[in-house]
Structures are given as C-alpha cells and as structure tokens.
Protein backbone atom coordinates (compact mmCIF):
# COMPACT_ATOMS: atom_id res chain seq x y z
CA MET A 1 -15.72 -28.23 -4.56
CA LYS A 2 -15.36 -24.48 -4.81
CA LYS A 3 -12.65 -24.51 -1.94
CA ILE A 4 -10.86 -27.32 -3.58
CA ILE A 5 -10.69 -25.39 -6.95
CA ILE A 6 -9.42 -22.47 -5.29
CA ILE A 7 -6.56 -24.43 -3.28
CA PHE A 8 -5.69 -26.12 -6.54
CA LEU A 9 -5.42 -22.76 -8.21
CA TYR A 10 -3.24 -21.63 -5.35
CA LEU A 11 -0.89 -24.60 -5.65
CA ILE A 12 -0.55 -23.93 -9.31
CA LEU A 13 0.23 -20.21 -8.85
CA PHE A 14 2.43 -20.27 -5.85
CA PRO A 15 5.51 -22.35 -7.23
CA VAL A 16 5.75 -20.29 -10.48
CA ALA A 17 5.32 -16.66 -8.86
CA SER A 18 9.00 -15.90 -9.43
CA SER A 19 9.63 -17.33 -13.05
CA ASN A 20 6.48 -17.14 -15.41
CA PRO A 21 5.03 -13.80 -16.07
CA GLU A 22 1.37 -13.63 -15.43
CA ASP A 23 -1.24 -11.10 -16.88
CA PRO A 24 -1.78 -8.73 -13.95
CA GLU A 25 -5.45 -8.78 -14.11
CA ASP A 26 -5.57 -12.48 -14.14
CA VAL A 27 -3.53 -12.22 -10.83
CA ARG A 28 -5.85 -9.77 -9.37
CA GLN A 29 -8.89 -11.85 -10.29
CA PHE A 30 -7.17 -14.84 -8.71
CA PHE A 31 -6.91 -12.98 -5.41
CA LEU A 32 -10.50 -12.07 -5.74
CA LYS A 33 -11.59 -15.59 -5.98
CA VAL A 34 -9.62 -16.58 -2.75
CA PHE A 35 -11.32 -13.71 -0.80
CA GLU A 36 -14.66 -14.54 -2.41
CA ASN A 37 -14.26 -17.95 -0.75
CA ASN A 38 -12.73 -16.82 2.44
CA LEU A 39 -15.31 -13.83 3.06
CA PRO A 40 -18.63 -15.23 1.56
CA GLY A 41 -21.13 -12.40 1.10
CA VAL A 42 -18.69 -9.47 1.76
CA ALA A 43 -18.76 -6.93 -1.02
CA VAL A 44 -15.49 -6.28 -2.24
CA SER A 45 -15.77 -2.66 -1.72
CA ASP A 46 -15.85 -3.65 2.09
CA TYR A 47 -12.21 -5.15 1.79
CA VAL A 48 -10.82 -1.49 2.60
CA ASN A 49 -12.06 -2.11 6.18
CA GLY A 50 -9.40 -4.60 6.67
CA ALA A 51 -9.57 -6.39 10.07
CA MET A 52 -12.79 -4.66 10.65
CA ILE A 53 -14.56 -6.30 7.76
CA ARG A 54 -16.68 -8.55 10.03
CA SER A 55 -17.22 -6.32 12.95
CA ALA A 56 -19.86 -3.61 12.86
CA ASP A 57 -18.83 -2.57 16.48
CA ALA A 58 -15.09 -1.99 15.23
CA LEU A 59 -16.30 -0.09 12.25
CA GLU A 60 -18.41 2.12 14.58
CA GLN A 61 -15.42 2.56 16.85
CA PHE A 62 -13.18 3.43 13.96
CA GLU A 63 -15.61 6.15 12.54
CA SER A 64 -15.87 7.67 15.94
CA ILE A 65 -12.16 7.97 16.33
CA MET A 66 -11.93 9.36 12.74
CA ASP A 67 -14.37 12.12 13.77
CA PHE A 68 -11.68 13.62 16.02
CA PRO A 69 -8.48 11.65 15.15
CA PRO A 70 -5.87 11.86 17.72
CA PHE A 71 -3.22 12.44 15.03
CA GLN A 72 -4.50 15.36 13.37
CA GLY A 73 -1.55 17.28 14.59
CA ASP A 74 0.81 15.07 12.41
CA ILE A 75 -1.64 16.00 9.28
CA GLU A 76 -1.40 19.56 10.14
CA LEU A 77 2.28 19.52 10.20
CA GLY A 78 2.33 17.83 6.75
CA LYS A 79 0.00 20.63 5.54
CA ALA A 80 2.40 23.29 6.82
CA ILE A 81 5.23 21.49 5.05
CA TRP A 82 3.24 21.15 1.97
CA GLU A 83 2.26 24.83 1.93
CA THR A 84 5.88 26.20 2.93
CA PRO A 85 7.49 27.65 -0.18
CA LEU A 86 10.53 25.73 -1.29
CA PRO A 87 13.90 27.31 -1.71
CA SER A 88 13.13 28.26 -5.26
CA GLY A 89 9.90 29.89 -4.27
CA ALA A 90 7.66 27.22 -5.80
CA THR A 91 5.38 24.83 -3.65
CA TYR A 92 4.89 21.37 -3.98
CA ALA A 93 1.41 22.11 -5.55
CA ASP A 94 3.28 24.18 -8.26
CA CYS A 95 5.36 21.17 -9.41
CA LEU A 96 3.37 18.11 -8.87
CA PRO A 97 0.71 16.95 -11.53
CA ASN A 98 -2.64 18.37 -11.13
CA ARG A 99 -1.33 20.49 -8.06
CA GLY A 100 -1.10 17.05 -6.17
CA VAL A 101 -4.81 16.66 -6.20
CA ASN A 102 -6.30 12.93 -7.04
CA ILE A 103 -2.84 11.62 -8.27
CA ALA A 104 -1.58 9.18 -5.53
CA GLY A 105 -3.65 6.47 -6.74
CA HIS A 106 -1.58 6.29 -9.82
CA TYR A 107 1.57 5.57 -7.96
CA PRO A 108 3.89 3.80 -8.06
CA ILE A 109 4.41 4.45 -11.97
CA PHE A 110 6.70 2.58 -14.17
CA ASP A 111 9.00 5.40 -15.85
CA GLU A 112 9.91 4.14 -19.31
CA ARG A 113 12.97 6.44 -19.50
CA SER A 114 14.74 5.38 -16.47
CA LYS A 115 13.23 1.88 -16.47
CA LYS A 116 12.45 2.37 -12.77
CA LEU A 117 9.48 2.70 -10.74
CA ILE A 118 8.51 6.11 -9.19
CA SER A 119 6.53 6.09 -5.93
CA PHE A 120 4.53 9.00 -4.76
CA GLU A 121 7.22 9.53 -2.15
CA MET A 122 9.87 9.64 -4.98
CA LEU A 123 7.78 12.17 -6.84
CA ILE A 124 7.74 14.47 -3.86
CA ASN A 125 11.53 14.23 -3.22
CA ASP A 126 12.01 15.02 -7.03
CA CYS A 127 9.98 18.13 -6.66
CA LEU A 128 11.84 19.16 -3.55
CA GLU A 129 15.39 18.50 -5.28
CA LYS A 130 14.38 20.27 -8.43
CA ASN A 131 13.37 23.31 -6.27
CA GLY A 132 16.68 23.61 -4.46
CA GLY A 133 15.85 21.33 -1.35
CA VAL A 134 17.42 18.17 0.23
CA ALA A 135 15.69 15.14 -0.39
CA TYR A 136 13.77 13.56 2.75
CA SER A 137 14.47 10.16 4.12
CA PHE A 138 11.62 7.81 3.36
CA ASP A 139 11.33 6.55 6.89
CA ASP A 140 11.54 10.12 8.57
CA ARG A 141 8.04 10.32 10.12
CA LYS A 142 8.46 14.11 10.92
CA THR A 143 9.07 15.03 7.22
CA MET A 144 8.12 12.48 4.54
CA GLY A 145 5.73 10.70 6.87
CA ALA A 146 3.88 13.85 7.83
CA LEU A 147 4.00 15.30 4.38
CA THR A 148 2.50 12.18 2.75
CA ALA A 149 -0.12 11.96 5.66
CA TYR A 150 -1.31 15.07 4.22
CA ALA A 151 -0.53 14.94 0.59
CA ARG A 152 -1.90 11.67 0.15
CA LYS A 153 -5.41 12.98 1.62
CA LEU A 154 -5.52 15.17 -1.34
CA SER A 155 -6.44 12.05 -3.56
CA ASP A 156 -9.29 10.63 -0.80
CA GLY A 157 -12.07 9.26 -2.96
CA MET A 158 -10.14 8.53 -6.14
CA SER A 159 -9.89 5.14 -7.18
CA MET A 160 -6.47 3.16 -7.00
CA ASP A 161 -5.51 3.02 -10.76
CA ILE A 162 -2.06 1.38 -11.23
CA LYS A 163 -1.03 0.72 -14.67
CA VAL A 164 1.12 -2.21 -16.11
CA GLU A 165 1.54 -1.37 -19.85
CA SER A 166 4.88 -2.46 -20.96
CA GLU A 167 7.25 -5.32 -20.74
CA GLY A 168 9.45 -3.33 -18.24
CA ALA A 169 6.42 -2.48 -16.14
CA LEU A 170 5.63 -6.14 -16.24
CA GLN A 171 9.00 -7.13 -14.85
CA LYS A 172 8.51 -4.98 -12.00
CA PHE A 173 5.09 -6.23 -11.39
CA GLU A 174 6.65 -9.85 -11.46
CA ALA A 175 9.35 -8.67 -9.20
CA GLY A 176 6.66 -7.62 -6.64
CA ARG A 177 4.77 -10.66 -7.21
CA ALA A 178 7.81 -12.84 -6.33
CA PHE A 179 8.53 -10.87 -3.25
CA TYR A 180 4.96 -11.34 -2.18
CA PHE A 181 5.15 -15.14 -2.37
CA LYS A 182 8.71 -15.64 -1.28
CA ARG A 183 9.02 -17.30 2.24
CA ILE A 184 11.52 -15.34 4.42
CA GLY A 185 12.97 -14.94 7.90
CA GLN A 186 13.23 -17.24 10.71
CA HIS A 187 9.37 -18.14 10.53
CA ASN A 188 9.65 -19.01 6.74
CA LEU A 189 6.65 -16.92 5.86
CA ALA A 190 5.68 -14.84 2.95
CA CYS A 191 3.11 -12.02 2.47
CA ALA A 192 0.80 -14.47 0.96
CA SER A 193 1.05 -16.81 3.80
CA CYS A 194 -1.04 -14.43 6.06
CA HIS A 195 -2.77 -12.10 3.83
CA LEU A 196 -3.77 -14.51 0.82
CA THR A 197 -4.06 -17.98 2.27
CA HIS A 198 -5.63 -16.74 5.41
CA GLY A 199 -6.77 -13.19 4.58
CA GLY A 200 -10.46 -12.68 5.97
CA LYS A 201 -9.97 -15.49 8.31
CA TYR A 202 -9.32 -15.50 12.30
CA PHE A 203 -5.87 -16.06 13.93
CA ARG A 204 -6.78 -16.35 17.74
CA ASP A 205 -9.10 -13.25 18.13
CA GLU A 206 -7.74 -11.16 15.43
CA LEU A 207 -9.26 -11.32 11.87
CA ILE A 208 -6.32 -11.20 9.16
CA SER A 209 -6.84 -8.39 6.78
CA PRO A 210 -7.13 -9.34 3.01
CA THR A 211 -4.44 -8.34 0.72
CA ILE A 212 -6.92 -6.33 -1.46
CA GLY A 213 -7.90 -3.01 0.13
CA GLN A 214 -4.75 -2.72 2.25
CA ALA A 215 -2.88 -0.28 0.04
CA VAL A 216 -5.47 2.42 -0.12
CA HIS A 217 -5.21 3.88 3.20
CA PHE A 218 -1.63 4.43 4.04
CA PRO A 219 -0.08 6.21 5.91
CA VAL A 220 -1.83 4.72 9.03
CA PHE A 221 -1.57 5.72 12.57
CA ARG A 222 -1.33 2.44 14.64
CA ALA A 223 -2.89 2.92 17.88
CA GLY A 224 -3.90 6.40 16.91
CA GLU A 225 -0.23 7.45 17.44
CA ARG A 226 2.45 5.96 15.59
CA LEU A 227 2.65 6.76 11.71
CA TYR A 228 3.54 4.09 9.37
CA THR A 229 3.99 4.67 5.59
CA LEU A 230 3.33 1.47 3.53
CA HIS A 231 7.03 0.81 3.43
CA MET A 232 7.45 0.96 7.02
CA ARG A 233 4.54 -1.39 7.36
CA TYR A 234 6.22 -3.77 5.06
CA GLN A 235 9.51 -3.39 7.19
CA ARG A 236 7.62 -4.07 10.50
CA CYS A 237 6.16 -7.33 8.93
CA MET A 238 9.58 -8.42 7.72
CA GLU A 239 10.98 -7.89 11.26
CA ALA A 240 7.91 -9.98 12.64
CA VAL A 241 8.87 -13.03 10.70
CA GLY A 242 12.54 -12.64 11.71
CA ALA A 243 13.91 -11.25 8.51
CA VAL A 244 16.15 -8.35 7.87
CA PRO A 245 14.11 -5.63 6.22
CA PHE A 246 14.97 -3.62 3.00
CA ALA A 247 15.28 -0.04 3.22
CA ALA A 248 12.18 2.26 2.75
CA GLY A 249 12.30 3.46 -0.89
CA SER A 250 14.41 0.46 -1.97
CA GLU A 251 13.54 -1.06 -5.53
CA GLU A 252 12.58 -4.23 -3.71
CA LEU A 253 9.84 -2.56 -1.65
CA ASN A 254 8.94 -0.18 -4.77
CA SER A 255 8.17 -3.54 -6.54
CA LEU A 256 6.16 -4.79 -3.85
CA GLU A 257 4.17 -1.68 -3.45
CA TYR A 258 3.58 -1.62 -7.22
CA PHE A 259 2.22 -5.17 -7.17
CA HIS A 260 0.36 -4.84 -3.95
CA SER A 261 -1.28 -1.50 -5.04
CA TYR A 262 -2.30 -2.99 -8.42
CA LEU A 263 -4.41 -5.54 -6.47
CA SER A 264 -6.52 -2.73 -4.97
CA ASN A 265 -7.28 -1.28 -8.36
CA GLY A 266 -11.00 0.43 -8.38
CA LEU A 267 -11.17 0.66 -4.60
CA PRO A 268 -11.19 4.22 -3.19
CA LEU A 269 -8.25 5.92 -1.33
CA ARG A 270 -8.68 7.17 2.28
CA ALA A 271 -5.30 8.04 3.56
CA SER A 272 -4.20 8.86 7.04
CA ILE A 273 -6.46 6.69 9.11
CA TYR A 274 -6.56 4.82 12.39
CA ARG A 275 -5.57 1.17 12.76
CA ARG A 276 -5.09 -0.87 15.82
C-alpha cells in the first residue's frame, strides 16, 4: 500500500512540475518519501554515499582511496591558484565572504538585485574580475575546476543550506524542478527517470544513486583521475541520453543546480572525492 501511495504522489507531481509552483520543502519531503520506499532502513545521512550506499566493501575501498587520493595534485594546484595574489594584490580569501570558509553550501544564491542565481563559481569569477583578472571558463579543469576542487573543500563539514525566500527565488527553483523532470534527448529520459524513480535501485550490476546527497561532494574525480564539476556532470548525463548539453555556467544549469542542491539541505559537504 505504501508503494502505491508513493507512485500515486509521483504521478500527481510529474505532469505539473513545469507549471504549478510547489513549496520547496514539500518537494524535498516528497523526494525523501520516495527514497524511504526505495531504500528501507537506510538513514538519510547515508545518502551522501551515492552508489556505495548498500556496499560496505565499496565504502571501505572508497575510504582507502581517500586516505591517499591520486588526484591530490589537482587539489594542490587549486590551492596554489587560491593563494596566488590577484592583479590587485588581493587574494580570493580577501574578497570572498568569511574568507571562503564554510560558504559553499549556501550557493547558488538568488540575487534580488540582478534577479539571477549566483553560483559558487560565479562568486569566484566575480572576485577575480573585480581584482583585475580575467574570468575563468566554467568548464576549464585546470583553472576553475582545480580552484573549486580546493576552494569547496574549505566548506567540508558544513551543511547544505540553500534558501528559497522570495518570489524570484521560487521561480528559479521551479525552473530547476521543471528541468529535472523534463524528458530530453534521443532516449527521452529526465534526471528524475533515473535518480528519483529508480534512485537506490539496481540497474544491471550498478546501484543508481539517489538524488538527495548528490550535490554535496562536487567536484568529483571519476576513476580517481578525471575532474568533473557538477555542471560538467550534468553535461555528461545530457550527452548520455542523446541531448545537446547546455553550457556550464548557463542559466539553465544554474537553475538545475539550485533545485538539485536544495534537495540535499542538511547534509554535510565533502568536496573533491573519488567516484567510479
């Protein structure tokens, strides 16, 4: 009976995802109900483990890799960029809120003045440009990728805390929700097709990670080598379903990140980790 109720709620929510505004917390609670059904007995705090959520062996291997991560050089490169004075003489720590510590979990933030979302990467570029530098490309692994691999780690342990506090912010949240449920590409799949409907279930021999918990650990290093920011991962998923991806840093992907990140509110950040 519980499963029938969950599916019924899903069928109600899915068709209106792009038209009728929902209270963001109601949406998050709906996702939690789905995963409570898909992952019985699993604590919400464990969702951060993604596809390793049911495998103690995989978690043990993960922690072993993280003891001596093969991508430490990329993080060190990011640290060097972070500490190198900008053309004005200031550093990133000088111009970011709280010197960049324990802030990543608040982004994206809806800016009431510009009526746009400000991502963590946009915050970094704004700091760079205001201090005489040239903005980094959002998909450049050696600059923005490496820098955020280090800078986001300064927020490790803080809880995701995305706010939706105005009509404009709600519109961006709704745009992200519509994107999440929109079927696209040659395979006619949505983000929700895999990570909501089947999140926490097996596809062949792979467990599909649940939506909640995904946004807290980017950038990731897939296979321990290839750096992916969250927007790069979105692009890879779009390519996998046969769709032309939006540009990293685009308004579309910013809205998706806003919605996606809100769903992980309350879970701790742990950036720059290994993923298969």
